[in-house]
């Protein structure tokens, strides 16, 4: 779901960097020493999951896990995804440095929304946490797809068809991410439930 360089206009790129800088700043301010390892682990999970991708026009289709990362990290999702996307841009040429701000915003903001909606509920019973885990994974990709589509559309109406295609192509990923996120949440509840309470 990375947007390639040379596609977006300066207004969209600048807005992405400004809002991402605010998110990273808030994330760093609330990042306590005991949260660093947790943030690094989920940064790595996002990094690896999104390496397996299928190119699609100026973007790509792949697992995202932004809903999972967001629901477990809160504001630190901006820090984790910024670092992961920076490394992907430098090491593999995914996205790029000029689009780093907007790509981070498109992934991290939906993750933060998932945190606001679902974090507390994940501490509930098995059925509730399964449902909310699925919704977090689904909504993370759903909102990220909308953000990517909006970024392209704000650059120019000529990207409208591409924006629609990106959204439609991610519908199966939404369901897959929902299932994966629900299962990961259940695993965490069994082996290290304190991860769900420490934010």
Protein backbone atom coordinates (compact mmCIF):
# COMPACT_ATOMS: atom_id res chain seq x y z
CA UNK A 1 0.00 0.00 0.00
CA UNK A 2 3.06 2.21 -0.34
CA UNK A 3 2.61 5.14 -2.70
CA UNK A 4 5.57 5.47 -5.05
CA UNK A 5 7.64 8.60 -5.49
CA UNK A 6 6.82 11.05 -8.26
CA UNK A 7 3.06 10.49 -8.05
CA UNK A 8 1.68 12.89 -5.44
CA UNK A 9 1.69 16.68 -5.57
CA UNK A 10 3.62 18.85 -3.11
CA UNK A 11 0.52 19.77 -1.12
CA UNK A 12 -0.28 16.15 -0.29
CA UNK A 13 3.37 15.33 0.42
CA UNK A 14 3.76 18.35 2.69
CA UNK A 15 0.54 17.64 4.57
CA UNK A 16 1.69 14.06 5.09
CA UNK A 17 5.01 15.14 6.58
CA UNK A 18 3.43 17.77 8.85
CA UNK A 19 0.78 15.43 10.29
CA UNK A 20 3.22 12.52 10.57
CA UNK A 21 5.70 14.75 12.42
CA UNK A 22 2.98 15.65 14.91
CA UNK A 23 2.07 11.97 15.36
CA UNK A 24 5.69 10.88 15.78
CA UNK A 25 6.28 13.74 18.23
CA UNK A 26 3.32 12.72 20.40
CA UNK A 27 4.39 9.07 20.15
CA UNK A 28 7.95 9.85 21.23
CA UNK A 29 6.75 12.06 24.09
CA UNK A 30 4.61 9.22 25.47
CA UNK A 31 7.23 6.50 24.77
CA UNK A 32 8.47 5.31 28.15
CA UNK A 33 11.51 3.10 28.54
CA UNK A 34 9.47 -0.04 29.20
CA UNK A 35 7.54 0.46 25.94
CA UNK A 36 10.60 0.58 23.66
CA UNK A 37 10.94 -3.20 23.22
CA UNK A 38 7.20 -3.61 22.59
CA UNK A 39 7.28 -0.84 19.98
CA UNK A 40 10.35 -2.37 18.30
CA UNK A 41 8.72 -5.83 18.13
CA UNK A 42 5.60 -4.55 16.41
CA UNK A 43 7.68 -2.30 14.15
CA UNK A 44 9.46 -5.49 13.03
CA UNK A 45 6.15 -7.34 12.56
CA UNK A 46 4.86 -4.57 10.29
CA UNK A 47 8.18 -4.45 8.41
CA UNK A 48 8.18 -8.18 7.64
CA UNK A 49 4.45 -8.48 6.89
CA UNK A 50 4.49 -5.73 4.28
CA UNK A 51 7.59 -7.04 2.47
CA UNK A 52 5.50 -9.64 0.63
CA UNK A 53 3.66 -7.45 -1.84
CA UNK A 54 1.97 -7.41 -5.22
CA UNK A 55 2.56 -4.20 -7.28
CA UNK A 56 -0.65 -2.39 -8.26
CA UNK A 57 -0.14 0.79 -10.28
CA UNK A 58 1.46 3.48 -8.11
CA UNK A 59 0.84 1.39 -4.98
CA UNK A 60 0.89 -2.29 -3.93
CA UNK A 61 -1.21 -4.95 -2.17
CA UNK A 62 0.22 -6.72 0.89
CA UNK A 63 -0.48 -7.55 4.52
CA UNK A 64 -0.36 -4.40 6.59
CA UNK A 65 -1.02 -5.25 10.28
CA UNK A 66 -1.53 -1.55 11.04
CA UNK A 67 -4.73 -2.34 12.94
CA UNK A 68 -2.88 -4.81 15.17
CA UNK A 69 0.11 -2.49 15.69
CA UNK A 70 -2.16 0.46 16.37
CA UNK A 71 -4.47 -1.31 18.82
CA UNK A 72 -1.47 -2.49 20.86
CA UNK A 73 0.73 0.63 20.71
CA UNK A 74 -1.54 3.67 20.66
CA UNK A 75 0.35 6.82 19.66
CA UNK A 76 3.59 4.84 19.35
CA UNK A 77 2.15 3.38 16.12
CA UNK A 78 3.47 6.50 14.37
CA UNK A 79 7.02 5.83 15.62
CA UNK A 80 6.92 2.12 14.76
CA UNK A 81 5.52 2.55 11.26
CA UNK A 82 7.70 5.56 10.44
CA UNK A 83 10.85 3.56 11.22
CA UNK A 84 9.62 0.46 9.35
CA UNK A 85 8.64 2.48 6.26
CA UNK A 86 11.92 4.41 6.37
CA UNK A 87 13.91 1.15 6.39
CA UNK A 88 11.79 -0.29 3.58
CA UNK A 89 12.34 2.83 1.48
CA UNK A 90 16.12 2.80 2.06
CA UNK A 91 16.74 -0.95 1.84
CA UNK A 92 14.20 -2.06 -0.77
CA UNK A 93 12.96 1.06 -2.52
CA UNK A 94 9.35 0.53 -1.37
CA UNK A 95 7.55 3.86 -1.33
CA UNK A 96 10.29 6.45 -1.06
CA UNK A 97 11.68 9.25 1.06
CA UNK A 98 9.49 11.96 -0.45
CA UNK A 99 6.35 9.89 0.23
CA UNK A 100 7.50 8.69 3.66
CA UNK A 101 5.33 11.22 5.48
CA UNK A 102 2.08 10.47 3.64
CA UNK A 103 2.72 6.70 3.63
CA UNK A 104 3.26 6.76 7.39
CA UNK A 105 0.13 8.86 7.92
CA UNK A 106 -1.97 6.57 5.71
CA UNK A 107 -0.96 3.52 7.77
CA UNK A 108 -0.56 4.95 11.28
CA UNK A 109 -3.68 7.12 11.55
CA UNK A 110 -6.02 4.15 10.93
CA UNK A 111 -4.00 2.18 13.49
CA UNK A 112 -4.53 4.95 16.03
CA UNK A 113 -8.27 4.97 15.29
CA UNK A 114 -8.32 1.22 15.95
CA UNK A 115 -6.61 1.88 19.30
CA UNK A 116 -9.27 4.41 20.27
CA UNK A 117 -12.12 2.08 19.30
CA UNK A 118 -10.94 -1.36 20.35
CA UNK A 119 -8.03 -1.34 22.82
CA UNK A 120 -10.02 -1.52 26.05
CA UNK A 121 -12.42 -4.12 24.67
CA UNK A 122 -9.59 -6.55 23.86
CA UNK A 123 -9.23 -7.21 27.59
CA UNK A 124 -12.72 -8.75 27.68
CA UNK A 125 -13.79 -12.35 27.21
CA UNK A 126 -12.69 -14.62 24.38
CA UNK A 127 -15.65 -14.00 22.09
CA UNK A 128 -15.54 -10.22 22.59
CA UNK A 129 -11.79 -10.03 22.02
CA UNK A 130 -12.08 -12.25 18.92
CA UNK A 131 -14.72 -9.96 17.42
CA UNK A 132 -12.89 -6.76 18.33
CA UNK A 133 -9.58 -8.20 17.10
CA UNK A 134 -11.19 -8.99 13.76
CA UNK A 135 -12.72 -5.51 13.56
CA UNK A 136 -9.37 -3.88 14.39
CA UNK A 137 -7.61 -5.77 11.60
CA UNK A 138 -10.42 -5.15 9.12
CA UNK A 139 -10.85 -1.47 9.96
CA UNK A 140 -7.10 -0.80 9.88
CA UNK A 141 -6.85 -1.89 6.23
CA UNK A 142 -10.23 -0.39 5.32
CA UNK A 143 -9.25 3.06 6.58
CA UNK A 144 -5.73 2.81 5.17
CA UNK A 145 -7.17 1.99 1.74
CA UNK A 146 -9.43 5.03 1.97
CA UNK A 147 -6.47 7.21 3.03
CA UNK A 148 -4.33 5.99 0.11
CA UNK A 149 -7.22 6.51 -2.30
CA UNK A 150 -7.84 10.01 -0.90
CA UNK A 151 -4.13 10.86 -1.23
CA UNK A 152 -4.21 9.90 -4.90
CA UNK A 153 -7.51 11.65 -5.56
CA UNK A 154 -6.28 14.88 -3.90
CA UNK A 155 -3.35 14.85 -6.31
CA UNK A 156 -5.62 14.75 -9.35
CA UNK A 157 -8.84 13.31 -10.70
CA UNK A 158 -6.82 11.26 -13.19
CA UNK A 159 -6.02 8.93 -10.25
CA UNK A 160 -9.69 8.27 -9.46
CA UNK A 161 -9.77 4.90 -11.23
CA UNK A 162 -6.49 3.87 -9.62
CA UNK A 163 -7.83 4.90 -6.21
CA UNK A 164 -10.92 2.75 -6.75
CA UNK A 165 -8.80 -0.19 -7.90
CA UNK A 166 -6.57 0.04 -4.82
CA UNK A 167 -9.59 0.01 -2.52
CA UNK A 168 -11.25 -2.93 -4.29
CA UNK A 169 -7.99 -4.93 -4.38
CA UNK A 170 -7.65 -4.58 -0.60
CA UNK A 171 -11.11 -5.95 0.24
CA UNK A 172 -9.81 -9.56 0.55
CA UNK A 173 -6.85 -8.22 2.58
CA UNK A 174 -9.31 -6.56 5.00
CA UNK A 175 -10.89 -9.90 5.85
CA UNK A 176 -7.55 -11.71 5.99
CA UNK A 177 -6.10 -9.08 8.32
CA UNK A 178 -9.19 -9.27 10.50
CA UNK A 179 -8.73 -13.02 10.95
CA UNK A 180 -4.97 -12.75 11.53
CA UNK A 181 -5.37 -9.92 14.03
CA UNK A 182 -8.07 -11.80 15.95
CA UNK A 183 -5.85 -14.90 16.19
CA UNK A 184 -2.78 -12.91 17.25
CA UNK A 185 -4.79 -11.14 19.95
CA UNK A 186 -5.95 -14.53 21.29
CA UNK A 187 -2.37 -15.81 21.29
CA UNK A 188 -1.16 -12.71 23.16
CA UNK A 189 -3.95 -13.11 25.73
CA UNK A 190 -2.71 -16.65 26.43
CA UNK A 191 1.05 -16.13 26.55
CA UNK A 192 1.56 -12.48 27.57
CA UNK A 193 -1.73 -10.75 28.45
CA UNK A 194 0.05 -7.76 29.99
CA UNK A 195 0.80 -6.55 26.46
CA UNK A 196 -2.90 -5.75 26.10
CA UNK A 197 -2.95 -3.63 29.25
CA UNK A 198 0.39 -1.79 28.97
CA UNK A 199 -0.01 1.27 26.72
